[in-house]
Amino acid sequence: MKNQVWEYSGYEYAERPRVLSWEDERLEIDKILDRWRMPGKKGFRVRVSDEREFELVYDEIAEEWNIKLMSDTK
């Protein structure tokens, strides 16, 4: 399985991430720790249930998510 993000889209697309896959694991996002906007991008720092933290950046032009592991407590 390719690393990917499933998001909630309400009043705008990719409003907030809900689930991500990382190295063949499906991980529920427990908490959004931070969020930011850049031209053409949306960024999130999230924590999953096993306490790992990820940075997720959605590129609105390329229509793709970039995922980066920020802390690994596993």
PDB file of N, CA and C in Angstrom:
ATOM      1  N   MET A   1       0.848  -1.183   0.000  1.00  0.00           N
ATOM      2  CA  MET A   1       0.000   0.000   0.000  1.00  0.00           C
ATOM      3  C   MET A   1       0.895   1.248   0.000  1.00  0.00           C
ATOM      4  N   LYS A   2       0.610   2.163  -0.885  1.00  0.00           N
ATOM      5  CA  LYS A   2       1.338   3.429  -0.947  1.00  0.00           C
ATOM      6  C   LYS A   2       0.950   4.291   0.257  1.00  0.00           C
ATOM      7  N   ASN A   3       1.899   5.047   0.796  1.00  0.00           N
ATOM      8  CA  ASN A   3       1.569   5.976   1.872  1.00  0.00           C
ATOM      9  C   ASN A   3       0.549   6.977   1.350  1.00  0.00           C
ATOM     10  N   GLN A   4      -0.544   7.139   2.079  1.00  0.00           N
ATOM     11  CA  GLN A   4      -1.574   8.070   1.650  1.00  0.00           C
ATOM     12  C   GLN A   4      -2.372   8.577   2.837  1.00  0.00           C
ATOM     13  N   VAL A   5      -3.211   9.578   2.562  1.00  0.00           N
ATOM     14  CA  VAL A   5      -4.028  10.216   3.594  1.00  0.00           C
ATOM     15  C   VAL A   5      -5.476  10.221   3.131  1.00  0.00           C
ATOM     16  N   TRP A   6      -6.379   9.920   4.065  1.00  0.00           N
ATOM     17  CA  TRP A   6      -7.809  10.071   3.825  1.00  0.00           C
ATOM     18  C   TRP A   6      -8.254  11.250   4.669  1.00  0.00           C
ATOM     19  N   GLU A   7      -8.947  12.169   4.057  1.00  0.00           N
ATOM     20  CA  GLU A   7      -9.275  13.411   4.735  1.00  0.00           C
ATOM     21  C   GLU A   7     -10.772  13.640   4.788  1.00  0.00           C
ATOM     22  N   TYR A   8     -11.151  14.555   5.678  1.00  0.00           N
ATOM     23  CA  TYR A   8     -12.515  15.059   5.734  1.00  0.00           C
ATOM     24  C   TYR A   8     -12.550  16.311   4.869  1.00  0.00           C
ATOM     25  N   SER A   9     -13.537  16.398   4.018  1.00  0.00           N
ATOM     26  CA  SER A   9     -13.730  17.595   3.201  1.00  0.00           C
ATOM     27  C   SER A   9     -15.122  18.127   3.487  1.00  0.00           C
ATOM     28  N   GLY A  10     -15.186  19.301   4.063  1.00  0.00           N
ATOM     29  CA  GLY A  10     -16.461  19.941   4.385  1.00  0.00           C
ATOM     30  C   GLY A  10     -16.659  21.123   3.465  1.00  0.00           C
ATOM     31  N   TYR A  11     -16.454  22.311   3.995  1.00  0.00           N
ATOM     32  CA  TYR A  11     -16.636  23.509   3.183  1.00  0.00           C
ATOM     33  C   TYR A  11     -15.488  23.718   2.200  1.00  0.00           C
ATOM     34  N   GLU A  12     -14.386  22.992   2.366  1.00  0.00           N
ATOM     35  CA  GLU A  12     -13.286  23.024   1.397  1.00  0.00           C
ATOM     36  C   GLU A  12     -12.645  21.641   1.326  1.00  0.00           C
ATOM     37  N   TYR A  13     -11.956  21.362   0.222  1.00  0.00           N
ATOM     38  CA  TYR A  13     -11.345  20.055   0.031  1.00  0.00           C
ATOM     39  C   TYR A  13     -10.144  19.893   0.960  1.00  0.00           C
ATOM     40  N   ALA A  14      -9.956  18.693   1.457  1.00  0.00           N
ATOM     41  CA  ALA A  14      -8.838  18.377   2.362  1.00  0.00           C
ATOM     42  C   ALA A  14      -8.841  19.300   3.576  1.00  0.00           C
ATOM     43  N   GLU A  15     -10.013  19.418   4.183  1.00  0.00           N
ATOM     44  CA  GLU A  15     -10.170  20.305   5.333  1.00  0.00           C
ATOM     45  C   GLU A  15      -9.368  19.824   6.545  1.00  0.00           C
ATOM     46  N   ARG A  16      -9.378  18.499   6.771  1.00  0.00           N
ATOM     47  CA  ARG A  16      -8.560  17.960   7.869  1.00  0.00           C
ATOM     48  C   ARG A  16      -8.328  16.464   7.621  1.00  0.00           C
ATOM     49  N   PRO A  17      -7.131  15.993   7.918  1.00  0.00           N
ATOM     50  CA  PRO A  17      -6.823  14.566   7.735  1.00  0.00           C
ATOM     51  C   PRO A  17      -7.482  13.736   8.839  1.00  0.00           C
ATOM     52  N   ARG A  18      -7.901  12.504   8.481  1.00  0.00           N
ATOM     53  CA  ARG A  18      -8.535  11.612   9.455  1.00  0.00           C
ATOM     54  C   ARG A  18      -7.747  10.329   9.665  1.00  0.00           C
ATOM     55  N   VAL A  19      -7.198   9.774   8.578  1.00  0.00           N
ATOM     56  CA  VAL A  19      -6.501   8.490   8.602  1.00  0.00           C
ATOM     57  C   VAL A  19      -5.319   8.604   7.650  1.00  0.00           C
ATOM     58  N   LEU A  20      -4.218   7.911   7.993  1.00  0.00           N
ATOM     59  CA  LEU A  20      -3.106   7.849   7.054  1.00  0.00           C
ATOM     60  C   LEU A  20      -2.579   6.428   7.003  1.00  0.00           C
ATOM     61  N   SER A  21      -1.945   6.110   5.907  1.00  0.00           N
ATOM     62  CA  SER A  21      -1.250   4.825   5.827  1.00  0.00           C
ATOM     63  C   SER A  21       0.233   5.135   5.770  1.00  0.00           C
ATOM     64  N   TRP A  22       0.989   4.354   6.539  1.00  0.00           N
ATOM     65  CA  TRP A  22       2.437   4.555   6.647  1.00  0.00           C
ATOM     66  C   TRP A  22       3.080   3.178   6.715  1.00  0.00           C
ATOM     67  N   GLU A  23       3.908   2.871   5.750  1.00  0.00           N
ATOM     68  CA  GLU A  23       4.612   1.586   5.701  1.00  0.00           C
ATOM     69  C   GLU A  23       3.659   0.415   5.944  1.00  0.00           C
ATOM     70  N   ASP A  24       2.594   0.384   5.171  1.00  0.00           N
ATOM     71  CA  ASP A  24       1.586  -0.693   5.195  1.00  0.00           C
ATOM     72  C   ASP A  24       0.757  -0.759   6.476  1.00  0.00           C
ATOM     73  N   GLU A  25       0.751   0.297   7.273  1.00  0.00           N
ATOM     74  CA  GLU A  25      -0.092   0.379   8.465  1.00  0.00           C
ATOM     75  C   GLU A  25      -1.165   1.429   8.245  1.00  0.00           C
ATOM     76  N   ARG A  26      -2.369   1.134   8.646  1.00  0.00           N
ATOM     77  CA  ARG A  26      -3.448   2.125   8.623  1.00  0.00           C
ATOM     78  C   ARG A  26      -3.510   2.750  10.012  1.00  0.00           C
ATOM     79  N   LEU A  27      -3.352   4.052  10.098  1.00  0.00           N
ATOM     80  CA  LEU A  27      -3.243   4.750  11.374  1.00  0.00           C
ATOM     81  C   LEU A  27      -4.340   5.805  11.500  1.00  0.00           C
ATOM     82  N   GLU A  28      -5.114   5.701  12.563  1.00  0.00           N
ATOM     83  CA  GLU A  28      -6.143   6.691  12.850  1.00  0.00           C
ATOM     84  C   GLU A  28      -5.473   7.920  13.472  1.00  0.00           C
ATOM     85  N   ILE A  29      -5.841   9.085  13.007  1.00  0.00           N
ATOM     86  CA  ILE A  29      -5.305  10.326  13.566  1.00  0.00           C
ATOM     87  C   ILE A  29      -6.103  10.666  14.814  1.00  0.00           C
ATOM     88  N   ASP A  30      -5.414  10.720  15.948  1.00  0.00           N
ATOM     89  CA  ASP A  30      -6.062  11.036  17.224  1.00  0.00           C
ATOM     90  C   ASP A  30      -6.198  12.538  17.444  1.00  0.00           C
ATOM     91  N   LYS A  31      -5.180  13.280  17.019  1.00  0.00           N
ATOM     92  CA  LYS A  31      -5.190  14.709  17.335  1.00  0.00           C
ATOM     93  C   LYS A  31      -4.426  15.494  16.277  1.00  0.00           C
ATOM     94  N   ILE A  32      -4.975  16.641  15.900  1.00  0.00           N
ATOM     95  CA  ILE A  32      -4.253  17.590  15.064  1.00  0.00           C
ATOM     96  C   ILE A  32      -3.556  18.545  16.017  1.00  0.00           C
ATOM     97  N   LEU A  33      -2.228  18.522  16.002  1.00  0.00           N
ATOM     98  CA  LEU A  33      -1.434  19.329  16.927  1.00  0.00           C
ATOM     99  C   LEU A  33      -1.211  20.750  16.423  1.00  0.00           C
ATOM    100  N   ASP A  34      -1.139  20.890  15.094  1.00  0.00           N
ATOM    101  CA  ASP A  34      -0.893  22.202  14.493  1.00  0.00           C
ATOM    102  C   ASP A  34      -1.393  22.159  13.062  1.00  0.00           C
ATOM    103  N   ARG A  35      -1.713  23.312  12.537  1.00  0.00           N
ATOM    104  CA  ARG A  35      -2.104  23.428  11.132  1.00  0.00           C
ATOM    105  C   ARG A  35      -1.622  24.769  10.605  1.00  0.00           C
ATOM    106  N   TRP A  36      -1.329  24.821   9.319  1.00  0.00           N
ATOM    107  CA  TRP A  36      -0.845  26.051   8.702  1.00  0.00           C
ATOM    108  C   TRP A  36      -1.185  26.049   7.218  1.00  0.00           C
ATOM    109  N   ARG A  37      -1.089  27.217   6.619  1.00  0.00           N
ATOM    110  CA  ARG A  37      -1.308  27.391   5.179  1.00  0.00           C
ATOM    111  C   ARG A  37      -0.074  28.029   4.573  1.00  0.00           C
ATOM    112  N   MET A  38       0.233  27.589   3.376  1.00  0.00           N
ATOM    113  CA  MET A  38       1.271  28.203   2.549  1.00  0.00           C
ATOM    114  C   MET A  38       0.629  28.384   1.182  1.00  0.00           C
ATOM    115  N   PRO A  39       1.196  29.195   0.317  1.00  0.00           N
ATOM    116  CA  PRO A  39       0.599  29.334  -1.013  1.00  0.00           C
ATOM    117  C   PRO A  39       0.461  27.966  -1.703  1.00  0.00           C
ATOM    118  N   GLY A  40      -0.778  27.575  -1.971  1.00  0.00           N
ATOM    119  CA  GLY A  40      -1.051  26.327  -2.673  1.00  0.00           C
ATOM    120  C   GLY A  40      -0.897  25.065  -1.841  1.00  0.00           C
ATOM    121  N   LYS A  41      -0.718  25.207  -0.516  1.00  0.00           N
ATOM    122  CA  LYS A  41      -0.519  24.032   0.337  1.00  0.00           C
ATOM    123  C   LYS A  41      -1.206  24.208   1.682  1.00  0.00           C
ATOM    124  N   LYS A  42      -1.552  23.053   2.281  1.00  0.00           N
ATOM    125  CA  LYS A  42      -2.087  23.010   3.646  1.00  0.00           C
ATOM    126  C   LYS A  42      -1.218  22.048   4.433  1.00  0.00           C
ATOM    127  N   GLY A  43      -0.806  22.460   5.622  1.00  0.00           N
ATOM    128  CA  GLY A  43       0.039  21.600   6.442  1.00  0.00           C
ATOM    129  C   GLY A  43      -0.611  21.257   7.771  1.00  0.00           C
ATOM    130  N   PHE A  44      -0.287  20.067   8.258  1.00  0.00           N
ATOM    131  CA  PHE A  44      -0.809  19.586   9.540  1.00  0.00           C
ATOM    132  C   PHE A  44       0.287  18.815  10.259  1.00  0.00           C
ATOM    133  N   ARG A  45       0.372  18.992  11.551  1.00  0.00           N
ATOM    134  CA  ARG A  45       1.166  18.098  12.399  1.00  0.00           C
ATOM    135  C   ARG A  45       0.149  17.312  13.203  1.00  0.00           C
ATOM    136  N   VAL A  46       0.240  15.978  13.117  1.00  0.00           N
ATOM    137  CA  VAL A  46      -0.773  15.127  13.744  1.00  0.00           C
ATOM    138  C   VAL A  46      -0.128  14.071  14.632  1.00  0.00           C
ATOM    139  N   ARG A  47      -0.937  13.557  15.571  1.00  0.00           N
ATOM    140  CA  ARG A  47      -0.521  12.446  16.427  1.00  0.00           C
ATOM    141  C   ARG A  47      -1.484  11.292  16.172  1.00  0.00           C
ATOM    142  N   VAL A  48      -0.912  10.095  16.033  1.00  0.00           N
ATOM    143  CA  VAL A  48      -1.734   8.897  15.845  1.00  0.00           C
ATOM    144  C   VAL A  48      -1.827   8.155  17.175  1.00  0.00           C
ATOM    145  N   SER A  49      -2.630   7.102  17.214  1.00  0.00           N
ATOM    146  CA  SER A  49      -2.948   6.429  18.479  1.00  0.00           C
ATOM    147  C   SER A  49      -1.744   5.845  19.213  1.00  0.00           C
ATOM    148  N   ASP A  50      -0.657   5.494  18.513  1.00  0.00           N
ATOM    149  CA  ASP A  50       0.517   4.950  19.205  1.00  0.00           C
ATOM    150  C   ASP A  50       1.542   6.036  19.561  1.00  0.00           C
ATOM    151  N   GLU A  51       1.095   7.305  19.511  1.00  0.00           N
ATOM    152  CA  GLU A  51       1.879   8.469  19.926  1.00  0.00           C
ATOM    153  C   GLU A  51       2.895   8.964  18.892  1.00  0.00           C
ATOM    154  N   ARG A  52       3.024   8.310  17.755  1.00  0.00           N
ATOM    155  CA  ARG A  52       3.909   8.849  16.713  1.00  0.00           C
ATOM    156  C   ARG A  52       3.302  10.131  16.163  1.00  0.00           C
ATOM    157  N   GLU A  53       4.185  11.036  15.747  1.00  0.00           N
ATOM    158  CA  GLU A  53       3.741  12.295  15.157  1.00  0.00           C
ATOM    159  C   GLU A  53       4.220  12.383  13.711  1.00  0.00           C
ATOM    160  N   PHE A  54       3.333  12.926  12.869  1.00  0.00           N
ATOM    161  CA  PHE A  54       3.606  13.060  11.451  1.00  0.00           C
ATOM    162  C   PHE A  54       3.336  14.478  11.001  1.00  0.00           C
ATOM    163  N   GLU A  55       4.077  14.907   9.978  1.00  0.00           N
ATOM    164  CA  GLU A  55       3.774  16.144   9.287  1.00  0.00           C
ATOM    165  C   GLU A  55       3.133  15.756   7.962  1.00  0.00           C
ATOM    166  N   LEU A  56       1.954  16.291   7.705  1.00  0.00           N
ATOM    167  CA  LEU A  56       1.222  16.021   6.478  1.00  0.00           C
ATOM    168  C   LEU A  56       1.060  17.339   5.732  1.00  0.00           C
ATOM    169  N   VAL A  57       1.455  17.364   4.474  1.00  0.00           N
ATOM    170  CA  VAL A  57       1.308  18.571   3.664  1.00  0.00           C
ATOM    171  C   VAL A  57       0.543  18.204   2.399  1.00  0.00           C
ATOM    172  N   TYR A  58      -0.563  18.894   2.185  1.00  0.00           N
ATOM    173  CA  TYR A  58      -1.360  18.675   0.985  1.00  0.00           C
ATOM    174  C   TYR A  58      -1.007  19.731  -0.044  1.00  0.00           C
ATOM    175  N   ASP A  59      -0.526  19.290  -1.196  1.00  0.00           N
ATOM    176  CA  ASP A  59      -0.199  20.178  -2.308  1.00  0.00           C
ATOM    177  C   ASP A  59      -1.456  20.302  -3.168  1.00  0.00           C
ATOM    178  N   GLU A  60      -2.070  21.466  -3.132  1.00  0.00           N
ATOM    179  CA  GLU A  60      -3.336  21.667  -3.830  1.00  0.00           C
ATOM    180  C   GLU A  60      -3.180  21.635  -5.352  1.00  0.00           C
ATOM    181  N   ILE A  61      -2.043  22.032  -5.862  1.00  0.00           N
ATOM    182  CA  ILE A  61      -1.828  22.039  -7.314  1.00  0.00           C
ATOM    183  C   ILE A  61      -1.581  20.619  -7.828  1.00  0.00           C
ATOM    184  N   ALA A  62      -0.710  19.881  -7.157  1.00  0.00           N
ATOM    185  CA  ALA A  62      -0.417  18.497  -7.560  1.00  0.00           C
ATOM    186  C   ALA A  62      -1.492  17.521  -7.089  1.00  0.00           C
ATOM    187  N   GLU A  63      -2.361  17.971  -6.177  1.00  0.00           N
ATOM    188  CA  GLU A  63      -3.408  17.148  -5.578  1.00  0.00           C
ATOM    189  C   GLU A  63      -2.846  15.880  -4.946  1.00  0.00           C
ATOM    190  N   GLU A  64      -1.816  16.083  -4.103  1.00  0.00           N
ATOM    191  CA  GLU A  64      -1.229  14.932  -3.423  1.00  0.00           C
ATOM    192  C   GLU A  64      -0.749  15.324  -2.034  1.00  0.00           C
ATOM    193  N   TRP A  65      -0.704  14.303  -1.174  1.00  0.00           N
ATOM    194  CA  TRP A  65      -0.227  14.467   0.203  1.00  0.00           C
ATOM    195  C   TRP A  65       1.232  14.039   0.287  1.00  0.00           C
ATOM    196  N   ASN A  66       1.996  14.765   1.087  1.00  0.00           N
ATOM    197  CA  ASN A  66       3.366  14.361   1.444  1.00  0.00           C
ATOM    198  C   ASN A  66       3.349  14.065   2.938  1.00  0.00           C
ATOM    199  N   ILE A  67       3.925  12.941   3.305  1.00  0.00           N
ATOM    200  CA  ILE A  67       3.902  12.476   4.699  1.00  0.00           C
ATOM    201  C   ILE A  67       5.338  12.359   5.194  1.00  0.00           C
ATOM    202  N   LYS A  68       5.582  12.890   6.392  1.00  0.00           N
ATOM    203  CA  LYS A  68       6.908  12.809   6.993  1.00  0.00           C
ATOM    204  C   LYS A  68       6.745  12.425   8.468  1.00  0.00           C
ATOM    205  N   LEU A  69       7.441  11.373   8.879  1.00  0.00           N
ATOM    206  CA  LEU A  69       7.442  10.946  10.283  1.00  0.00           C
ATOM    207  C   LEU A  69       8.294  11.937  11.067  1.00  0.00           C
ATOM    208  N   MET A  70       7.722  12.526  12.118  1.00  0.00           N
ATOM    209  CA  MET A  70       8.427  13.534  12.911  1.00  0.00           C
ATOM    210  C   MET A  70       8.966  12.981  14.215  1.00  0.00           C
ATOM    211  N   SER A  71       8.231  12.076  14.855  1.00  0.00           N
ATOM    212  CA  SER A  71       8.715  11.451  16.084  1.00  0.00           C
ATOM    213  C   SER A  71       8.202  10.025  16.123  1.00  0.00           C
ATOM    214  N   ASP A  72       9.078   9.141  16.534  1.00  0.00           N
ATOM    215  CA  ASP A  72       8.734   7.721  16.546  1.00  0.00           C
ATOM    216  C   ASP A  72       8.915   7.189  17.963  1.00  0.00           C
ATOM    217  N   THR A  73       7.818   6.943  18.642  1.00  0.00           N
ATOM    218  CA  THR A  73       7.884   6.416  20.006  1.00  0.00           C
ATOM    219  C   THR A  73       7.620   4.918  20.018  1.00  0.00           C
ATOM    220  N   LYS A  74       7.471   4.360  18.844  1.00  0.00           N
ATOM    221  CA  LYS A  74       7.154   2.941  18.724  1.00  0.00           C
ATOM    222  C   LYS A  74       8.364   2.068  18.980  1.00  0.00           C
TER     223      LYS A  74
END
